[in-house]
Amino acid sequence: MTVDQILKIFKQTDALLEGHFQLTSGLHSPQYFQCAKVLQYPQHMEDLCGIIAENFRKTPIDTVISPALGGIVVGQEVGRQLRVRTMFAERKEGTLQLRRGFEIARGERVLVCEDVTTTGGSAQEVIRIVNQYDGIVAGVGTIVDRSNGKVIFDVPEQFAVLKFDVITYKPEDCPLCKQNIPIFKPGSRINK
């Protein structure tokens, strides 16, 4: 798929929104990728996650792990296509952790999957979890990297289906706030 084809799918499914948004990171932006809107369609989910799976197909991977909530669908589909075990980390008292009996074995090769990367915070938390279990992070795969090339993980391979340069502002510097444009918080994490 070309970038234009991918963007067309995001726009057709109302997954690329325009307005004034507070991102999970706390930053503000005039654009928001709501991957859940595009991933609700099985064919789009299969196609987009298939691009990630195909990129990592030759990489030895035992398990795919994702941060809850947005990354779960991505990780599940990538794992399905790679035919490997999948799991997710979820927040408890504000910190991502393995729950529900999930464990990572020493030396297990793990692919971290995410829906959208802006600051890389959630994926970095998952990488820390893998390292705490003495697993090996084989790479990070994401549907959309909107970090403008700023997020570089210390992993053997980092891949995004779509790299999209999006404007972000610190809240105190946000011109949309200064124009009193109402702000929306569509992310899955509760922002403080």
C-alpha atoms as a PDB file:
ATOM      1  CA  MET A   1       0.000   0.000   0.000  1.00  0.00           C
ATOM      2  CA  THR A   2       1.153   3.532  -0.717  1.00  0.00           C
ATOM      3  CA  VAL A   3       1.061   6.352   1.822  1.00  0.00           C
ATOM      4  CA  ASP A   4      -1.785   7.971  -0.131  1.00  0.00           C
ATOM      5  CA  GLN A   5      -3.801   4.736  -0.040  1.00  0.00           C
ATOM      6  CA  ILE A   6      -3.261   4.404   3.704  1.00  0.00           C
ATOM      7  CA  LEU A   7      -4.234   8.030   4.366  1.00  0.00           C
ATOM      8  CA  LYS A   8      -7.332   7.555   2.204  1.00  0.00           C
ATOM      9  CA  ILE A   9      -8.397   4.609   4.376  1.00  0.00           C
ATOM     10  CA  PHE A  10      -7.832   6.660   7.546  1.00  0.00           C
ATOM     11  CA  LYS A  11      -9.910   9.537   6.178  1.00  0.00           C
ATOM     12  CA  GLN A  12     -12.699   7.281   4.872  1.00  0.00           C
ATOM     13  CA  THR A  13     -13.065   5.655   8.290  1.00  0.00           C
ATOM     14  CA  ASP A  14     -12.869   8.971  10.198  1.00  0.00           C
ATOM     15  CA  ALA A  15      -9.665   7.734  11.823  1.00  0.00           C
ATOM     16  CA  LEU A  16      -7.734  10.914  10.962  1.00  0.00           C
ATOM     17  CA  LEU A  17      -9.448  13.738  12.813  1.00  0.00           C
ATOM     18  CA  GLU A  18      -8.959  17.493  12.534  1.00  0.00           C
ATOM     19  CA  GLY A  19      -9.570  19.891  15.446  1.00  0.00           C
ATOM     20  CA  HIS A  20      -7.917  20.531  18.824  1.00  0.00           C
ATOM     21  CA  PHE A  21      -6.818  17.437  20.709  1.00  0.00           C
ATOM     22  CA  GLN A  22      -4.969  16.593  23.893  1.00  0.00           C
ATOM     23  CA  LEU A  23      -2.875  13.528  23.117  1.00  0.00           C
ATOM     24  CA  THR A  24      -2.160  10.743  25.590  1.00  0.00           C
ATOM     25  CA  SER A  25       1.292  12.302  25.965  1.00  0.00           C
ATOM     26  CA  GLY A  26      -0.311  15.544  27.209  1.00  0.00           C
ATOM     27  CA  LEU A  27       0.753  17.432  24.082  1.00  0.00           C
ATOM     28  CA  HIS A  28      -1.820  19.285  21.990  1.00  0.00           C
ATOM     29  CA  SER A  29      -2.333  18.832  18.248  1.00  0.00           C
ATOM     30  CA  PRO A  30      -4.663  19.969  15.445  1.00  0.00           C
ATOM     31  CA  GLN A  31      -4.761  16.345  14.188  1.00  0.00           C
ATOM     32  CA  TYR A  32      -5.509  13.044  15.873  1.00  0.00           C
ATOM     33  CA  PHE A  33      -5.143   9.465  14.670  1.00  0.00           C
ATOM     34  CA  GLN A  34      -7.905   7.337  16.153  1.00  0.00           C
ATOM     35  CA  CYS A  35      -6.613   3.958  14.981  1.00  0.00           C
ATOM     36  CA  ALA A  36      -9.543   2.185  16.627  1.00  0.00           C
ATOM     37  CA  LYS A  37     -11.792   3.711  13.953  1.00  0.00           C
ATOM     38  CA  VAL A  38      -9.826   2.134  11.103  1.00  0.00           C
ATOM     39  CA  LEU A  39      -9.084  -1.113  12.960  1.00  0.00           C
ATOM     40  CA  GLN A  40     -12.799  -1.763  13.562  1.00  0.00           C
ATOM     41  CA  TYR A  41     -12.914  -2.965   9.958  1.00  0.00           C
ATOM     42  CA  PRO A  42     -11.352  -6.448   9.774  1.00  0.00           C
ATOM     43  CA  GLN A  43      -9.988  -5.997   6.254  1.00  0.00           C
ATOM     44  CA  HIS A  44      -8.196  -2.741   7.163  1.00  0.00           C
ATOM     45  CA  MET A  45      -6.902  -4.297  10.389  1.00  0.00           C
ATOM     46  CA  GLU A  46      -5.627  -7.336   8.497  1.00  0.00           C
ATOM     47  CA  ASP A  47      -4.000  -5.207   5.797  1.00  0.00           C
ATOM     48  CA  LEU A  48      -2.324  -2.635   8.078  1.00  0.00           C
ATOM     49  CA  CYS A  49      -1.162  -5.154  10.676  1.00  0.00           C
ATOM     50  CA  GLY A  50      -0.083  -7.411   7.821  1.00  0.00           C
ATOM     51  CA  ILE A  51       2.405  -4.778   6.745  1.00  0.00           C
ATOM     52  CA  ILE A  52       3.971  -4.923  10.231  1.00  0.00           C
ATOM     53  CA  ALA A  53       3.914  -8.733  10.252  1.00  0.00           C
ATOM     54  CA  GLU A  54       5.506  -8.915   6.810  1.00  0.00           C
ATOM     55  CA  ASN A  55       8.268  -6.518   7.880  1.00  0.00           C
ATOM     56  CA  PHE A  56       9.164  -8.768  10.860  1.00  0.00           C
ATOM     57  CA  ARG A  57       8.468 -12.137   9.194  1.00  0.00           C
ATOM     58  CA  LYS A  58      12.168 -13.048   8.899  1.00  0.00           C
ATOM     59  CA  THR A  59      12.954 -11.848  12.435  1.00  0.00           C
ATOM     60  CA  PRO A  60      12.878 -14.616  15.070  1.00  0.00           C
ATOM     61  CA  ILE A  61       9.893 -13.727  17.301  1.00  0.00           C
ATOM     62  CA  ASP A  62       8.306 -15.832  20.024  1.00  0.00           C
ATOM     63  CA  THR A  63       5.732 -13.379  21.338  1.00  0.00           C
ATOM     64  CA  VAL A  64       4.042 -10.095  20.505  1.00  0.00           C
ATOM     65  CA  ILE A  65       3.237  -7.715  23.353  1.00  0.00           C
ATOM     66  CA  SER A  66       1.297  -4.459  23.265  1.00  0.00           C
ATOM     67  CA  PRO A  67       0.291  -1.728  25.677  1.00  0.00           C
ATOM     68  CA  ALA A  68      -3.410  -1.600  26.526  1.00  0.00           C
ATOM     69  CA  LEU A  69      -5.619  -0.268  25.269  1.00  0.00           C
ATOM     70  CA  GLY A  70      -4.941   0.925  21.752  1.00  0.00           C
ATOM     71  CA  GLY A  71      -2.146  -1.513  20.980  1.00  0.00           C
ATOM     72  CA  ILE A  72      -4.049  -4.689  21.895  1.00  0.00           C
ATOM     73  CA  VAL A  73      -5.838  -5.064  18.553  1.00  0.00           C
ATOM     74  CA  VAL A  74      -2.617  -4.362  16.636  1.00  0.00           C
ATOM     75  CA  GLY A  75      -0.589  -6.842  18.677  1.00  0.00           C
ATOM     76  CA  GLN A  76      -3.265  -9.517  18.462  1.00  0.00           C
ATOM     77  CA  GLU A  77      -3.501  -9.286  14.669  1.00  0.00           C
ATOM     78  CA  VAL A  78       0.275  -9.088  14.121  1.00  0.00           C
ATOM     79  CA  GLY A  79       0.711 -12.108  16.390  1.00  0.00           C
ATOM     80  CA  ARG A  80      -2.030 -13.987  14.544  1.00  0.00           C
ATOM     81  CA  GLN A  81      -0.367 -13.342  11.213  1.00  0.00           C
ATOM     82  CA  LEU A  82       3.049 -14.339  12.566  1.00  0.00           C
ATOM     83  CA  ARG A  83       1.463 -17.354  14.320  1.00  0.00           C
ATOM     84  CA  VAL A  84       3.011 -16.491  17.691  1.00  0.00           C
ATOM     85  CA  ARG A  85       1.693 -15.961  21.203  1.00  0.00           C
ATOM     86  CA  THR A  86       0.303 -12.510  22.034  1.00  0.00           C
ATOM     87  CA  MET A  87      -0.164 -10.664  25.300  1.00  0.00           C
ATOM     88  CA  PHE A  88      -0.651  -7.138  26.573  1.00  0.00           C
ATOM     89  CA  ALA A  89       0.456  -4.924  29.410  1.00  0.00           C
ATOM     90  CA  GLU A  90      -2.161  -2.891  31.216  1.00  0.00           C
ATOM     91  CA  ARG A  91      -2.125  -0.013  33.635  1.00  0.00           C
ATOM     92  CA  LYS A  92      -2.453  -0.536  37.341  1.00  0.00           C
ATOM     93  CA  GLU A  93      -2.047   2.549  39.487  1.00  0.00           C
ATOM     94  CA  GLY A  94      -0.753   4.437  36.446  1.00  0.00           C
ATOM     95  CA  THR A  95       2.006   1.976  35.485  1.00  0.00           C
ATOM     96  CA  LEU A  96       1.973  -0.563  32.673  1.00  0.00           C
ATOM     97  CA  GLN A  97       2.540  -4.093  33.922  1.00  0.00           C
ATOM     98  CA  LEU A  98       1.867  -7.699  33.044  1.00  0.00           C
ATOM     99  CA  ARG A  99      -1.252  -9.067  34.688  1.00  0.00           C
ATOM    100  CA  ARG A 100      -3.693 -11.935  34.050  1.00  0.00           C
ATOM    101  CA  GLY A 101      -0.907 -14.481  34.483  1.00  0.00           C
ATOM    102  CA  PHE A 102       1.124 -13.242  31.491  1.00  0.00           C
ATOM    103  CA  GLU A 103       4.846 -13.909  31.772  1.00  0.00           C
ATOM    104  CA  ILE A 104       7.902 -13.576  29.569  1.00  0.00           C
ATOM    105  CA  ALA A 105      10.576 -16.278  29.748  1.00  0.00           C
ATOM    106  CA  ARG A 106      14.265 -15.434  29.993  1.00  0.00           C
ATOM    107  CA  GLY A 107      15.622 -15.074  26.435  1.00  0.00           C
ATOM    108  CA  GLU A 108      12.163 -14.990  24.849  1.00  0.00           C
ATOM    109  CA  ARG A 109      12.212 -12.844  21.683  1.00  0.00           C
ATOM    110  CA  VAL A 110       9.446 -10.265  21.882  1.00  0.00           C
ATOM    111  CA  LEU A 111       8.021  -7.837  19.334  1.00  0.00           C
ATOM    112  CA  VAL A 112       6.398  -4.728  20.830  1.00  0.00           C
ATOM    113  CA  CYS A 113       3.391  -3.490  18.821  1.00  0.00           C
ATOM    114  CA  GLU A 114       1.519  -0.209  19.184  1.00  0.00           C
ATOM    115  CA  ASP A 115      -1.176   1.643  17.285  1.00  0.00           C
ATOM    116  CA  VAL A 116       0.222   5.205  17.395  1.00  0.00           C
ATOM    117  CA  THR A 117       3.608   6.527  18.540  1.00  0.00           C
ATOM    118  CA  THR A 118       3.866  10.185  19.501  1.00  0.00           C
ATOM    119  CA  THR A 119       6.358  10.328  22.371  1.00  0.00           C
ATOM    120  CA  GLY A 120       6.958   6.571  22.555  1.00  0.00           C
ATOM    121  CA  GLY A 121       6.129   6.495  26.250  1.00  0.00           C
ATOM    122  CA  SER A 122       3.827   3.463  26.253  1.00  0.00           C
ATOM    123  CA  ALA A 123       6.063   1.391  23.989  1.00  0.00           C
ATOM    124  CA  GLN A 124       9.076   2.333  26.139  1.00  0.00           C
ATOM    125  CA  GLU A 125       7.220   1.138  29.249  1.00  0.00           C
ATOM    126  CA  VAL A 126       6.546  -2.195  27.516  1.00  0.00           C
ATOM    127  CA  ILE A 127      10.204  -2.469  26.497  1.00  0.00           C
ATOM    128  CA  ARG A 128      11.135  -2.004  30.169  1.00  0.00           C
ATOM    129  CA  ILE A 129       8.750  -4.829  31.115  1.00  0.00           C
ATOM    130  CA  VAL A 130      10.366  -7.181  28.580  1.00  0.00           C
ATOM    131  CA  ASN A 131      13.808  -6.240  29.918  1.00  0.00           C
ATOM    132  CA  GLN A 132      12.682  -6.795  33.542  1.00  0.00           C
ATOM    133  CA  TYR A 133      11.764 -10.364  32.613  1.00  0.00           C
ATOM    134  CA  ASP A 134      15.129 -10.800  30.830  1.00  0.00           C
ATOM    135  CA  GLY A 135      13.340 -11.129  27.506  1.00  0.00           C
ATOM    136  CA  ILE A 136      14.865  -9.868  24.277  1.00  0.00           C
ATOM    137  CA  VAL A 137      13.136  -7.040  22.447  1.00  0.00           C
ATOM    138  CA  ALA A 138      13.306  -8.028  18.776  1.00  0.00           C
ATOM    139  CA  GLY A 139      11.775  -4.762  17.575  1.00  0.00           C
ATOM    140  CA  VAL A 140       8.933  -2.269  17.740  1.00  0.00           C
ATOM    141  CA  GLY A 141       6.165  -2.130  15.138  1.00  0.00           C
ATOM    142  CA  THR A 142       3.477   0.520  14.976  1.00  0.00           C
ATOM    143  CA  ILE A 143       0.682   1.519  12.630  1.00  0.00           C
ATOM    144  CA  VAL A 144       1.357   5.279  12.807  1.00  0.00           C
ATOM    145  CA  ASP A 145       4.536   7.054  13.882  1.00  0.00           C
ATOM    146  CA  ARG A 146       3.560  10.653  14.420  1.00  0.00           C
ATOM    147  CA  SER A 147       6.730  11.548  16.334  1.00  0.00           C
ATOM    148  CA  ASN A 148       8.250  13.413  13.386  1.00  0.00           C
ATOM    149  CA  GLY A 149      11.230  11.057  13.579  1.00  0.00           C
ATOM    150  CA  LYS A 150      12.013  12.026  17.173  1.00  0.00           C
ATOM    151  CA  VAL A 151      11.260   8.690  18.829  1.00  0.00           C
ATOM    152  CA  ILE A 152      14.084   6.208  18.420  1.00  0.00           C
ATOM    153  CA  PHE A 153      13.882   3.052  20.505  1.00  0.00           C
ATOM    154  CA  ASP A 154      17.038   1.215  21.524  1.00  0.00           C
ATOM    155  CA  VAL A 155      15.959  -1.953  19.700  1.00  0.00           C
ATOM    156  CA  PRO A 156      17.323  -3.892  16.709  1.00  0.00           C
ATOM    157  CA  GLU A 157      14.501  -2.742  14.426  1.00  0.00           C
ATOM    158  CA  GLN A 158      11.808  -0.102  14.507  1.00  0.00           C
ATOM    159  CA  PHE A 159       9.068  -0.032  11.863  1.00  0.00           C
ATOM    160  CA  ALA A 160       5.969   2.070  11.200  1.00  0.00           C
ATOM    161  CA  VAL A 161       3.358   1.471   8.513  1.00  0.00           C
ATOM    162  CA  LEU A 162       2.833   5.224   8.218  1.00  0.00           C
ATOM    163  CA  LYS A 163       5.233   7.968   9.245  1.00  0.00           C
ATOM    164  CA  PHE A 164       3.250  11.165   9.489  1.00  0.00           C
ATOM    165  CA  ASP A 165       4.657  14.531  10.521  1.00  0.00           C
ATOM    166  CA  VAL A 166       2.072  16.074  12.796  1.00  0.00           C
ATOM    167  CA  ILE A 167       2.311  19.358  14.615  1.00  0.00           C
ATOM    168  CA  THR A 168       2.268  19.093  18.387  1.00  0.00           C
ATOM    169  CA  TYR A 169       2.419  21.805  21.034  1.00  0.00           C
ATOM    170  CA  LYS A 170       3.188  21.920  24.709  1.00  0.00           C
ATOM    171  CA  PRO A 171      -0.054  23.024  26.394  1.00  0.00           C
ATOM    172  CA  GLU A 172       1.442  26.363  27.449  1.00  0.00           C
ATOM    173  CA  ASP A 173       2.490  27.095  23.825  1.00  0.00           C
ATOM    174  CA  CYS A 174      -0.669  25.872  22.075  1.00  0.00           C
ATOM    175  CA  PRO A 175      -2.124  28.472  19.678  1.00  0.00           C
ATOM    176  CA  LEU A 176      -5.406  26.535  19.595  1.00  0.00           C
ATOM    177  CA  CYS A 177      -5.769  27.058  23.352  1.00  0.00           C
ATOM    178  CA  LYS A 178      -4.998  30.758  22.913  1.00  0.00           C
ATOM    179  CA  GLN A 179      -7.846  30.907  20.364  1.00  0.00           C
ATOM    180  CA  ASN A 180     -10.167  29.250  22.933  1.00  0.00           C
ATOM    181  CA  ILE A 181     -10.897  26.365  20.561  1.00  0.00           C
ATOM    182  CA  PRO A 182     -12.481  23.540  22.597  1.00  0.00           C
ATOM    183  CA  ILE A 183     -10.126  20.653  23.281  1.00  0.00           C
ATOM    184  CA  PHE A 184     -10.957  16.953  23.016  1.00  0.00           C
ATOM    185  CA  LYS A 185      -9.184  14.090  24.810  1.00  0.00           C
ATOM    186  CA  PRO A 186      -9.943  11.034  22.678  1.00  0.00           C
ATOM    187  CA  GLY A 187      -7.078   8.821  23.907  1.00  0.00           C
ATOM    188  CA  SER A 188      -7.430   5.678  26.009  1.00  0.00           C
ATOM    189  CA  ARG A 189      -5.362   6.917  28.949  1.00  0.00           C
ATOM    190  CA  ILE A 190      -6.767   9.336  31.474  1.00  0.00           C
ATOM    191  CA  ASN A 191      -4.749  12.555  31.247  1.00  0.00           C
ATOM    192  CA  LYS A 192      -4.086  14.594  34.331  1.00  0.00           C
END
